[in-house]
Amino acid sequence: MLSADERERASRFRVERGADRYTVARGALRIMLGRYTGTPPEALVFQYNGFGKPELTGSDVCFNLSHSHDIALVAAVRGRAVGVDVERIREQVLSDRIAERFFAPAEARAIATLPQDQQAQAFFNCWTRKEAWIKARGEGLSIPLDSFEVTLAPGEPARLVATRPDEKEAARWTLRELECGPEYVAALAVAGKFGNEVYVTEFRRSD
């Protein structure tokens, strides 16, 4: 059901497992969007903005896809911007000092002051919430990671805390933490106010 350009991209993976993950994720995306739009999955046509964010041609269904290792996550909503990100927790990121180099200073300090066993979780809370919002905006990394701040402490509700230079931008978005298993962290960003109504459909592929 994949398009020619999707099949070509899958063929560029050097590792077969990576190609399989990409193919299954794109197939699941097409199945889900096909259900929402009443269109056969193979007939869906995607267009891309100047930053590479895909959109459905001729539909008000907005969507976003993220995948990390064996998890693929799709968000879909009608008539408003949406972004999603999922990452597997990896302790070694702390030694790379990514937070100090790219996050807002207040976020880097907040991670450093947490107990050691919570810092990796906090880092990926921050990372996925930032990525979800950037992807929802559809402007890629033209938005510097240190130009806005999110909550990050484990157990703290996801929220966009500050945006610069437009301080009012933070109030225009809703962030949600998503549960994807003990080894993963995920976040959803939606334009406007959004309640707790997050519906989850699982696609499973046997080996």
Protein backbone atom coordinates (compact mmCIF):
# COMPACT_ATOMS: atom_id res chain seq x y z
CA MET A 1 0.00 0.00 0.00
CA LEU A 2 3.03 2.34 0.18
CA SER A 3 3.76 4.93 -2.48
CA ALA A 4 6.79 4.73 -4.76
CA ASP A 5 8.70 7.35 -2.77
CA GLU A 6 7.96 5.53 0.52
CA ARG A 7 9.21 2.24 -0.92
CA GLU A 8 12.31 3.99 -2.25
CA ARG A 9 13.02 5.46 1.19
CA ALA A 10 12.60 2.05 2.82
CA SER A 11 15.14 0.60 0.39
CA ARG A 12 17.77 3.11 1.55
CA PHE A 13 17.98 1.64 5.07
CA ARG A 14 21.25 -0.21 5.51
CA VAL A 15 19.80 -2.46 8.21
CA GLU A 16 16.83 -4.66 7.28
CA ARG A 17 15.21 -4.19 10.70
CA GLY A 18 15.17 -0.42 10.14
CA ALA A 19 13.46 -0.88 6.79
CA ASP A 20 10.88 -3.20 8.39
CA ARG A 21 10.13 -0.69 11.14
CA TYR A 22 9.72 2.14 8.66
CA THR A 23 7.48 0.07 6.37
CA VAL A 24 5.21 -1.11 9.20
CA ALA A 25 4.95 2.41 10.66
CA ARG A 26 4.00 3.95 7.31
CA GLY A 27 1.55 1.15 6.63
CA ALA A 28 -0.12 1.61 10.03
CA LEU A 29 -0.28 5.36 9.39
CA ARG A 30 -2.03 4.79 6.07
CA ILE A 31 -4.50 2.33 7.61
CA MET A 32 -5.39 4.76 10.39
CA LEU A 33 -5.75 7.77 8.09
CA GLY A 34 -7.72 5.67 5.63
CA ARG A 35 -10.24 4.88 8.36
CA TYR A 36 -10.61 8.54 9.31
CA THR A 37 -10.98 9.78 5.75
CA GLY A 38 -12.89 6.88 4.17
CA THR A 39 -10.11 6.52 1.59
CA PRO A 40 -8.30 3.28 0.67
CA PRO A 41 -4.88 3.43 2.39
CA GLU A 42 -3.00 3.00 -0.88
CA ALA A 43 -4.90 5.94 -2.43
CA LEU A 44 -3.87 8.52 0.17
CA VAL A 45 -1.64 11.29 -1.20
CA PHE A 46 0.78 13.20 1.02
CA GLN A 47 2.22 16.63 0.36
CA TYR A 48 5.09 18.22 2.28
CA ASN A 49 5.66 21.77 3.46
CA GLY A 50 8.97 23.59 3.12
CA PHE A 51 10.29 21.95 6.29
CA GLY A 52 9.31 18.43 5.25
CA LYS A 53 6.19 18.02 7.41
CA PRO A 54 3.67 15.76 5.63
CA GLU A 55 0.03 16.71 5.16
CA LEU A 56 -2.92 14.90 3.62
CA THR A 57 -3.99 16.34 0.28
CA GLY A 58 -7.64 17.40 0.27
CA SER A 59 -8.44 16.57 3.91
CA ASP A 60 -8.83 18.41 7.21
CA VAL A 61 -7.29 15.47 9.11
CA CYS A 62 -3.95 16.58 10.53
CA PHE A 63 -1.49 13.95 11.70
CA ASN A 64 2.03 13.26 12.84
CA LEU A 65 4.17 10.14 13.10
CA SER A 66 7.12 9.28 15.31
CA HIS A 67 8.97 6.03 15.84
CA SER A 68 11.80 4.84 18.06
CA HIS A 69 13.13 1.27 17.93
CA ASP A 70 10.06 -1.01 18.26
CA ILE A 71 7.50 1.72 19.01
CA ALA A 72 5.61 3.73 16.40
CA LEU A 73 3.24 6.49 17.47
CA VAL A 74 0.64 8.25 15.30
CA ALA A 75 -1.43 11.28 16.30
CA ALA A 76 -4.44 12.37 14.25
CA VAL A 77 -6.93 15.20 14.80
CA ARG A 78 -9.28 17.23 12.64
CA GLY A 79 -8.66 20.86 11.86
CA ARG A 80 -5.78 21.71 14.17
CA ALA A 81 -2.01 21.32 14.20
CA VAL A 82 -0.63 18.27 15.99
CA GLY A 83 2.79 16.85 16.75
CA VAL A 84 3.99 13.72 18.52
CA ASP A 85 7.33 12.30 19.59
CA VAL A 86 8.46 9.04 21.20
CA GLU A 87 11.95 8.15 22.38
CA ARG A 88 13.53 5.18 24.16
CA ILE A 89 15.22 6.22 27.40
CA ARG A 90 19.03 6.02 27.17
CA GLU A 91 21.19 6.88 30.17
CA GLN A 92 24.24 7.78 28.08
CA VAL A 93 22.69 11.01 26.81
CA LEU A 94 23.52 12.62 30.14
CA SER A 95 27.25 12.26 29.52
CA ASP A 96 26.87 13.96 26.12
CA ARG A 97 25.77 17.18 27.86
CA ILE A 98 23.02 17.73 25.27
CA ALA A 99 20.81 19.58 27.76
CA GLU A 100 23.55 22.11 28.54
CA ARG A 101 24.27 22.65 24.85
CA PHE A 102 20.75 22.88 23.41
CA PHE A 103 18.03 23.25 26.06
CA ALA A 104 17.05 26.50 27.77
CA PRO A 105 19.37 27.22 30.73
CA ALA A 106 16.49 26.82 33.21
CA GLU A 107 15.72 23.36 31.81
CA ALA A 108 19.35 22.24 31.99
CA ARG A 109 19.55 23.41 35.61
CA ALA A 110 16.29 21.66 36.47
CA ILE A 111 17.60 18.34 35.13
CA ALA A 112 20.92 18.72 36.96
CA THR A 113 19.23 19.34 40.33
CA LEU A 114 17.09 16.17 40.19
CA PRO A 115 18.26 12.91 41.80
CA GLN A 116 20.60 10.99 39.50
CA ASP A 117 18.10 8.19 38.93
CA GLN A 118 15.51 10.66 37.60
CA GLN A 119 17.70 12.69 35.27
CA ALA A 120 17.44 10.49 32.16
CA GLN A 121 13.65 10.38 32.47
CA ALA A 122 13.57 14.17 32.89
CA PHE A 123 15.84 14.68 29.87
CA PHE A 124 13.57 12.64 27.60
CA ASN A 125 10.45 14.27 29.05
CA CYS A 126 11.95 17.57 27.97
CA TRP A 127 13.15 16.27 24.61
CA THR A 128 9.87 14.64 23.54
CA ARG A 129 7.75 17.61 24.62
CA LYS A 130 9.99 19.98 22.70
CA GLU A 131 10.03 17.75 19.63
CA ALA A 132 6.25 17.28 19.69
CA TRP A 133 5.69 21.05 19.77
CA ILE A 134 8.25 21.77 17.07
CA LYS A 135 6.71 19.09 14.85
CA ALA A 136 3.22 20.49 15.46
CA ARG A 137 4.45 23.92 14.40
CA GLY A 138 5.77 22.36 11.20
CA GLU A 139 8.86 24.58 11.09
CA GLY A 140 11.54 22.04 11.89
CA LEU A 141 14.67 23.05 13.76
CA SER A 142 14.29 26.63 12.56
CA ILE A 143 12.81 26.95 16.08
CA PRO A 144 15.80 26.85 18.48
CA LEU A 145 15.37 24.39 21.34
CA ASP A 146 16.41 27.04 23.85
CA SER A 147 13.78 29.57 22.68
CA PHE A 148 10.98 27.90 24.67
CA GLU A 149 10.63 25.90 27.88
CA VAL A 150 8.56 22.89 28.96
CA THR A 151 7.96 21.05 32.21
CA LEU A 152 10.17 18.01 32.63
CA ALA A 153 10.28 16.58 36.17
CA PRO A 154 8.97 12.99 36.40
CA GLY A 155 5.33 13.07 37.48
CA GLU A 156 4.89 16.74 36.54
CA PRO A 157 2.09 17.32 33.99
CA ALA A 158 3.32 18.20 30.53
CA ARG A 159 3.03 21.91 29.82
CA LEU A 160 4.53 24.59 27.60
CA VAL A 161 5.94 27.00 30.19
CA ALA A 162 7.44 29.86 28.16
CA THR A 163 7.88 30.88 24.53
CA ARG A 164 10.16 33.58 23.19
CA PRO A 165 9.85 36.15 21.72
CA ASP A 166 6.02 35.78 21.79
CA GLU A 167 5.14 35.06 25.42
CA LYS A 168 1.47 34.50 24.54
CA GLU A 169 2.27 31.55 22.27
CA ALA A 170 2.54 29.15 25.22
CA ALA A 171 -1.16 29.60 26.05
CA ARG A 172 -2.19 28.59 22.51
CA TRP A 173 -1.04 24.97 22.87
CA THR A 174 -1.75 21.87 24.91
CA LEU A 175 0.89 19.26 25.78
CA ARG A 176 0.16 15.74 27.00
CA GLU A 177 2.44 12.97 28.21
CA LEU A 178 1.64 9.58 26.62
CA GLU A 179 2.30 6.15 28.14
CA CYS A 180 4.22 3.87 25.78
CA GLY A 181 5.83 1.37 28.14
CA PRO A 182 8.54 1.48 30.84
CA GLU A 183 11.47 2.08 28.48
CA TYR A 184 9.88 4.87 26.44
CA VAL A 185 8.78 8.48 26.86
CA ALA A 186 6.28 10.13 24.53
CA ALA A 187 4.49 13.45 24.19
CA LEU A 188 1.65 14.99 22.20
CA ALA A 189 1.26 18.67 21.25
CA VAL A 190 -2.05 20.05 19.94
CA ALA A 191 -3.00 23.58 18.96
CA GLY A 192 -5.63 25.09 21.23
CA LYS A 193 -7.28 23.66 24.31
CA PHE A 194 -7.51 19.90 24.46
CA GLY A 195 -8.94 17.65 27.16
CA ASN A 196 -7.87 14.18 28.22
CA GLU A 197 -9.66 12.44 25.35
CA VAL A 198 -6.72 10.59 23.80
CA TYR A 199 -7.78 7.41 22.01
CA VAL A 200 -5.22 4.70 21.40
CA THR A 201 -5.28 2.06 18.69
CA GLU A 202 -2.55 -0.58 18.71
CA PHE A 203 -1.21 -2.25 15.57
CA ARG A 204 0.77 -5.39 16.23
CA ARG A 205 2.80 -7.39 13.73
CA SER A 206 3.89 -10.90 14.54
CA ASP A 207 7.42 -11.97 13.65
